[in-house]
Amino acid sequence: MQLSDALIIAEQIVEDAEAEGFANTADAMRLLLRDMALCERVSNATKSQTASLSLSYNPLS
């Protein structure tokens, strides 16, 4: 994920938080951090699975 993509996602999360009644900046930031942590975990899991698949794939066998 590129930084510009992360910023767009962060802005959308803040807008969604405000729309859901999280007018308090601290609440919006907590929601943002939670969702960014989730994105990071998904990204790391995807990288791990991709590495695992590439290690187990051997077209010569």
PDB file of N, CA and C in Angstrom:
ATOM      1  N   MET A   1       0.847  -1.175   0.000  1.00  0.00           N
ATOM      2  CA  MET A   1       0.000   0.000   0.000  1.00  0.00           C
ATOM      3  C   MET A   1       0.889   1.234   0.000  1.00  0.00           C
ATOM      4  N   GLN A   2       0.563   2.161  -0.863  1.00  0.00           N
ATOM      5  CA  GLN A   2       1.303   3.414  -0.945  1.00  0.00           C
ATOM      6  C   GLN A   2       0.800   4.374   0.128  1.00  0.00           C
ATOM      7  N   LEU A   3       1.656   5.323   0.504  1.00  0.00           N
ATOM      8  CA  LEU A   3       1.279   6.305   1.509  1.00  0.00           C
ATOM      9  C   LEU A   3       0.048   7.082   1.079  1.00  0.00           C
ATOM     10  N   SER A   4      -0.037   7.450  -0.193  1.00  0.00           N
ATOM     11  CA  SER A   4      -1.204   8.201  -0.666  1.00  0.00           C
ATOM     12  C   SER A   4      -2.481   7.385  -0.485  1.00  0.00           C
ATOM     13  N   ASP A   5      -2.401   6.072  -0.714  1.00  0.00           N
ATOM     14  CA  ASP A   5      -3.568   5.208  -0.495  1.00  0.00           C
ATOM     15  C   ASP A   5      -3.960   5.194   0.976  1.00  0.00           C
ATOM     16  N   ALA A   6      -2.961   5.111   1.841  1.00  0.00           N
ATOM     17  CA  ALA A   6      -3.226   5.099   3.286  1.00  0.00           C
ATOM     18  C   ALA A   6      -3.866   6.402   3.735  1.00  0.00           C
ATOM     19  N   LEU A   7      -3.418   7.514   3.187  1.00  0.00           N
ATOM     20  CA  LEU A   7      -4.004   8.793   3.562  1.00  0.00           C
ATOM     21  C   LEU A   7      -5.452   8.905   3.095  1.00  0.00           C
ATOM     22  N   ILE A   8      -5.743   8.426   1.902  1.00  0.00           N
ATOM     23  CA  ILE A   8      -7.121   8.441   1.401  1.00  0.00           C
ATOM     24  C   ILE A   8      -8.006   7.578   2.299  1.00  0.00           C
ATOM     25  N   ILE A   9      -7.517   6.412   2.664  1.00  0.00           N
ATOM     26  CA  ILE A   9      -8.275   5.528   3.547  1.00  0.00           C
ATOM     27  C   ILE A   9      -8.473   6.187   4.912  1.00  0.00           C
ATOM     28  N   ALA A  10      -7.417   6.814   5.435  1.00  0.00           N
ATOM     29  CA  ALA A  10      -7.517   7.485   6.733  1.00  0.00           C
ATOM     30  C   ALA A  10      -8.557   8.589   6.699  1.00  0.00           C
ATOM     31  N   GLU A  11      -8.569   9.367   5.647  1.00  0.00           N
ATOM     32  CA  GLU A  11      -9.562  10.439   5.516  1.00  0.00           C
ATOM     33  C   GLU A  11     -10.973   9.865   5.477  1.00  0.00           C
ATOM     34  N   GLN A  12     -11.159   8.773   4.763  1.00  0.00           N
ATOM     35  CA  GLN A  12     -12.488   8.154   4.680  1.00  0.00           C
ATOM     36  C   GLN A  12     -12.922   7.632   6.041  1.00  0.00           C
ATOM     37  N   ILE A  13     -11.997   7.039   6.781  1.00  0.00           N
ATOM     38  CA  ILE A  13     -12.328   6.525   8.106  1.00  0.00           C
ATOM     39  C   ILE A  13     -12.760   7.658   9.028  1.00  0.00           C
ATOM     40  N   VAL A  14     -12.038   8.778   8.985  1.00  0.00           N
ATOM     41  CA  VAL A  14     -12.401   9.922   9.820  1.00  0.00           C
ATOM     42  C   VAL A  14     -13.782  10.440   9.419  1.00  0.00           C
ATOM     43  N   GLU A  15     -14.048  10.540   8.125  1.00  0.00           N
ATOM     44  CA  GLU A  15     -15.369  10.992   7.660  1.00  0.00           C
ATOM     45  C   GLU A  15     -16.457  10.029   8.129  1.00  0.00           C
ATOM     46  N   ASP A  16     -16.190   8.722   8.023  1.00  0.00           N
ATOM     47  CA  ASP A  16     -17.165   7.735   8.482  1.00  0.00           C
ATOM     48  C   ASP A  16     -17.396   7.850   9.986  1.00  0.00           C
ATOM     49  N   ALA A  17     -16.321   8.068  10.729  1.00  0.00           N
ATOM     50  CA  ALA A  17     -16.441   8.212  12.186  1.00  0.00           C
ATOM     51  C   ALA A  17     -17.305   9.415  12.535  1.00  0.00           C
ATOM     52  N   GLU A  18     -17.076  10.524  11.848  1.00  0.00           N
ATOM     53  CA  GLU A  18     -17.873  11.725  12.102  1.00  0.00           C
ATOM     54  C   GLU A  18     -19.335  11.484  11.735  1.00  0.00           C
ATOM     55  N   ALA A  19     -19.576  10.791  10.637  1.00  0.00           N
ATOM     56  CA  ALA A  19     -20.946  10.501  10.203  1.00  0.00           C
ATOM     57  C   ALA A  19     -21.666   9.601  11.205  1.00  0.00           C
ATOM     58  N   GLU A  20     -20.907   8.768  11.904  1.00  0.00           N
ATOM     59  CA  GLU A  20     -21.494   7.862  12.882  1.00  0.00           C
ATOM     60  C   GLU A  20     -21.603   8.497  14.269  1.00  0.00           C
ATOM     61  N   GLY A  21     -21.273   9.774  14.368  1.00  0.00           N
ATOM     62  CA  GLY A  21     -21.433  10.471  15.641  1.00  0.00           C
ATOM     63  C   GLY A  21     -20.172  10.583  16.469  1.00  0.00           C
ATOM     64  N   PHE A  22     -19.044  10.238  15.914  1.00  0.00           N
ATOM     65  CA  PHE A  22     -17.780  10.373  16.621  1.00  0.00           C
ATOM     66  C   PHE A  22     -17.214  11.770  16.372  1.00  0.00           C
ATOM     67  N   ALA A  23     -17.909  12.782  16.873  1.00  0.00           N
ATOM     68  CA  ALA A  23     -17.472  14.155  16.639  1.00  0.00           C
ATOM     69  C   ALA A  23     -16.185  14.455  17.405  1.00  0.00           C
ATOM     70  N   ASN A  24     -15.985  13.757  18.492  1.00  0.00           N
ATOM     71  CA  ASN A  24     -14.795  13.959  19.301  1.00  0.00           C
ATOM     72  C   ASN A  24     -13.562  13.468  18.534  1.00  0.00           C
ATOM     73  N   THR A  25     -12.576  14.314  18.395  1.00  0.00           N
ATOM     74  CA  THR A  25     -11.371  13.971  17.624  1.00  0.00           C
ATOM     75  C   THR A  25     -10.672  12.734  18.183  1.00  0.00           C
ATOM     76  N   ALA A  26     -10.615  12.610  19.488  1.00  0.00           N
ATOM     77  CA  ALA A  26      -9.952  11.449  20.089  1.00  0.00           C
ATOM     78  C   ALA A  26     -10.663  10.154  19.694  1.00  0.00           C
ATOM     79  N   ASP A  27     -11.993  10.166  19.689  1.00  0.00           N
ATOM     80  CA  ASP A  27     -12.733   8.974  19.276  1.00  0.00           C
ATOM     81  C   ASP A  27     -12.446   8.641  17.817  1.00  0.00           C
ATOM     82  N   ALA A  28     -12.431   9.654  16.972  1.00  0.00           N
ATOM     83  CA  ALA A  28     -12.151   9.432  15.555  1.00  0.00           C
ATOM     84  C   ALA A  28     -10.736   8.887  15.364  1.00  0.00           C
ATOM     85  N   MET A  29      -9.789   9.415  16.123  1.00  0.00           N
ATOM     86  CA  MET A  29      -8.413   8.938  15.980  1.00  0.00           C
ATOM     87  C   MET A  29      -8.263   7.506  16.479  1.00  0.00           C
ATOM     88  N   ARG A  30      -8.950   7.152  17.543  1.00  0.00           N
ATOM     89  CA  ARG A  30      -8.897   5.760  18.022  1.00  0.00           C
ATOM     90  C   ARG A  30      -9.455   4.812  16.961  1.00  0.00           C
ATOM     91  N   LEU A  31     -10.548   5.206  16.341  1.00  0.00           N
ATOM     92  CA  LEU A  31     -11.123   4.397  15.277  1.00  0.00           C
ATOM     93  C   LEU A  31     -10.149   4.286  14.104  1.00  0.00           C
ATOM     94  N   LEU A  32      -9.528   5.379  13.760  1.00  0.00           N
ATOM     95  CA  LEU A  32      -8.545   5.394  12.678  1.00  0.00           C
ATOM     96  C   LEU A  32      -7.380   4.457  12.986  1.00  0.00           C
ATOM     97  N   LEU A  33      -6.831   4.558  14.178  1.00  0.00           N
ATOM     98  CA  LEU A  33      -5.696   3.709  14.551  1.00  0.00           C
ATOM     99  C   LEU A  33      -6.076   2.236  14.571  1.00  0.00           C
ATOM    100  N   ARG A  34      -7.269   1.938  15.045  1.00  0.00           N
ATOM    101  CA  ARG A  34      -7.723   0.545  15.061  1.00  0.00           C
ATOM    102  C   ARG A  34      -7.808  -0.004  13.644  1.00  0.00           C
ATOM    103  N   ASP A  35      -8.405   0.763  12.745  1.00  0.00           N
ATOM    104  CA  ASP A  35      -8.553   0.296  11.371  1.00  0.00           C
ATOM    105  C   ASP A  35      -7.210   0.216  10.644  1.00  0.00           C
ATOM    106  N   MET A  36      -6.305   1.139  10.928  1.00  0.00           N
ATOM    107  CA  MET A  36      -4.982   1.069  10.301  1.00  0.00           C
ATOM    108  C   MET A  36      -4.219  -0.149  10.806  1.00  0.00           C
ATOM    109  N   ALA A  37      -4.376  -0.482  12.086  1.00  0.00           N
ATOM    110  CA  ALA A  37      -3.732  -1.675  12.629  1.00  0.00           C
ATOM    111  C   ALA A  37      -4.300  -2.927  11.961  1.00  0.00           C
ATOM    112  N   LEU A  38      -5.603  -2.923  11.714  1.00  0.00           N
ATOM    113  CA  LEU A  38      -6.225  -4.046  11.021  1.00  0.00           C
ATOM    114  C   LEU A  38      -5.677  -4.175   9.606  1.00  0.00           C
ATOM    115  N   CYS A  39      -5.557  -3.055   8.910  1.00  0.00           N
ATOM    116  CA  CYS A  39      -4.991  -3.072   7.559  1.00  0.00           C
ATOM    117  C   CYS A  39      -3.574  -3.633   7.559  1.00  0.00           C
ATOM    118  N   GLU A  40      -2.791  -3.250   8.565  1.00  0.00           N
ATOM    119  CA  GLU A  40      -1.409  -3.724   8.657  1.00  0.00           C
ATOM    120  C   GLU A  40      -1.382  -5.235   8.886  1.00  0.00           C
ATOM    121  N   ARG A  41      -2.258  -5.730   9.758  1.00  0.00           N
ATOM    122  CA  ARG A  41      -2.300  -7.172  10.017  1.00  0.00           C
ATOM    123  C   ARG A  41      -2.697  -7.942   8.766  1.00  0.00           C
ATOM    124  N   VAL A  42      -3.682  -7.433   8.029  1.00  0.00           N
ATOM    125  CA  VAL A  42      -4.107  -8.091   6.797  1.00  0.00           C
ATOM    126  C   VAL A  42      -2.967  -8.088   5.785  1.00  0.00           C
ATOM    127  N   SER A  43      -2.272  -6.959   5.670  1.00  0.00           N
ATOM    128  CA  SER A  43      -1.153  -6.851   4.743  1.00  0.00           C
ATOM    129  C   SER A  43      -0.057  -7.844   5.113  1.00  0.00           C
ATOM    130  N   ASN A  44       0.277  -7.923   6.392  1.00  0.00           N
ATOM    131  CA  ASN A  44       1.322  -8.850   6.835  1.00  0.00           C
ATOM    132  C   ASN A  44       0.910 -10.296   6.600  1.00  0.00           C
ATOM    133  N   ALA A  45      -0.355 -10.617   6.838  1.00  0.00           N
ATOM    134  CA  ALA A  45      -0.832 -11.980   6.623  1.00  0.00           C
ATOM    135  C   ALA A  45      -0.763 -12.332   5.135  1.00  0.00           C
ATOM    136  N   THR A  46      -1.128 -11.385   4.288  1.00  0.00           N
ATOM    137  CA  THR A  46      -1.075 -11.619   2.845  1.00  0.00           C
ATOM    138  C   THR A  46       0.358 -11.846   2.393  1.00  0.00           C
ATOM    139  N   LYS A  47       1.287 -11.042   2.893  1.00  0.00           N
ATOM    140  CA  LYS A  47       2.699 -11.222   2.541  1.00  0.00           C
ATOM    141  C   LYS A  47       3.192 -12.587   3.002  1.00  0.00           C
ATOM    142  N   SER A  48       2.799 -12.991   4.207  1.00  0.00           N
ATOM    143  CA  SER A  48       3.220 -14.280   4.747  1.00  0.00           C
ATOM    144  C   SER A  48       2.685 -15.430   3.904  1.00  0.00           C
ATOM    145  N   GLN A  49       1.407 -15.351   3.523  1.00  0.00           N
ATOM    146  CA  GLN A  49       0.819 -16.404   2.699  1.00  0.00           C
ATOM    147  C   GLN A  49       1.466 -16.453   1.321  1.00  0.00           C
ATOM    148  N   THR A  50       1.757 -15.298   0.755  1.00  0.00           N
ATOM    149  CA  THR A  50       2.396 -15.251  -0.563  1.00  0.00           C
ATOM    150  C   THR A  50       3.782 -15.880  -0.495  1.00  0.00           C
ATOM    151  N   ALA A  51       4.544 -15.556   0.548  1.00  0.00           N
ATOM    152  CA  ALA A  51       5.877 -16.138   0.709  1.00  0.00           C
ATOM    153  C   ALA A  51       5.781 -17.644   0.896  1.00  0.00           C
ATOM    154  N   SER A  52       4.810 -18.082   1.679  1.00  0.00           N
ATOM    155  CA  SER A  52       4.626 -19.506   1.910  1.00  0.00           C
ATOM    156  C   SER A  52       4.274 -20.232   0.615  1.00  0.00           C
ATOM    157  N   LEU A  53       3.381 -19.654  -0.166  1.00  0.00           N
ATOM    158  CA  LEU A  53       3.004 -20.276  -1.431  1.00  0.00           C
ATOM    159  C   LEU A  53       4.176 -20.331  -2.397  1.00  0.00           C
ATOM    160  N   SER A  54       4.973 -19.276  -2.440  1.00  0.00           N
ATOM    161  CA  SER A  54       6.098 -19.263  -3.376  1.00  0.00           C
ATOM    162  C   SER A  54       7.162 -20.273  -2.961  1.00  0.00           C
ATOM    163  N   LEU A  55       7.308 -20.511  -1.669  1.00  0.00           N
ATOM    164  CA  LEU A  55       8.277 -21.502  -1.207  1.00  0.00           C
ATOM    165  C   LEU A  55       7.801 -22.927  -1.508  1.00  0.00           C
ATOM    166  N   SER A  56       6.489 -23.140  -1.460  1.00  0.00           N
ATOM    167  CA  SER A  56       5.982 -24.489  -1.684  1.00  0.00           C
ATOM    168  C   SER A  56       5.759 -24.807  -3.160  1.00  0.00           C
ATOM    169  N   TYR A  57       5.805 -23.810  -4.013  1.00  0.00           N
ATOM    170  CA  TYR A  57       5.572 -24.023  -5.445  1.00  0.00           C
ATOM    171  C   TYR A  57       6.884 -24.340  -6.144  1.00  0.00           C
ATOM    172  N   ASN A  58       6.937 -25.487  -6.746  1.00  0.00           N
ATOM    173  CA  ASN A  58       8.123 -25.883  -7.491  1.00  0.00           C
ATOM    174  C   ASN A  58       7.666 -26.467  -8.822  1.00  0.00           C
ATOM    175  N   PRO A  59       7.749 -25.682  -9.885  1.00  0.00           N
ATOM    176  CA  PRO A  59       7.233 -26.155 -11.178  1.00  0.00           C
ATOM    177  C   PRO A  59       8.032 -27.324 -11.764  1.00  0.00           C
ATOM    178  N   LEU A  60       9.207 -27.596 -11.243  1.00  0.00           N
ATOM    179  CA  LEU A  60      10.030 -28.670 -11.798  1.00  0.00           C
ATOM    180  C   LEU A  60       9.735 -30.022 -11.181  1.00  0.00           C
ATOM    181  N   SER A  61       8.949 -30.066 -10.097  1.00  0.00           N
ATOM    182  CA  SER A  61       8.683 -31.365  -9.469  1.00  0.00           C
ATOM    183  C   SER A  61       7.472 -32.057 -10.022  1.00  0.00           C
TER     184      SER A  61
END
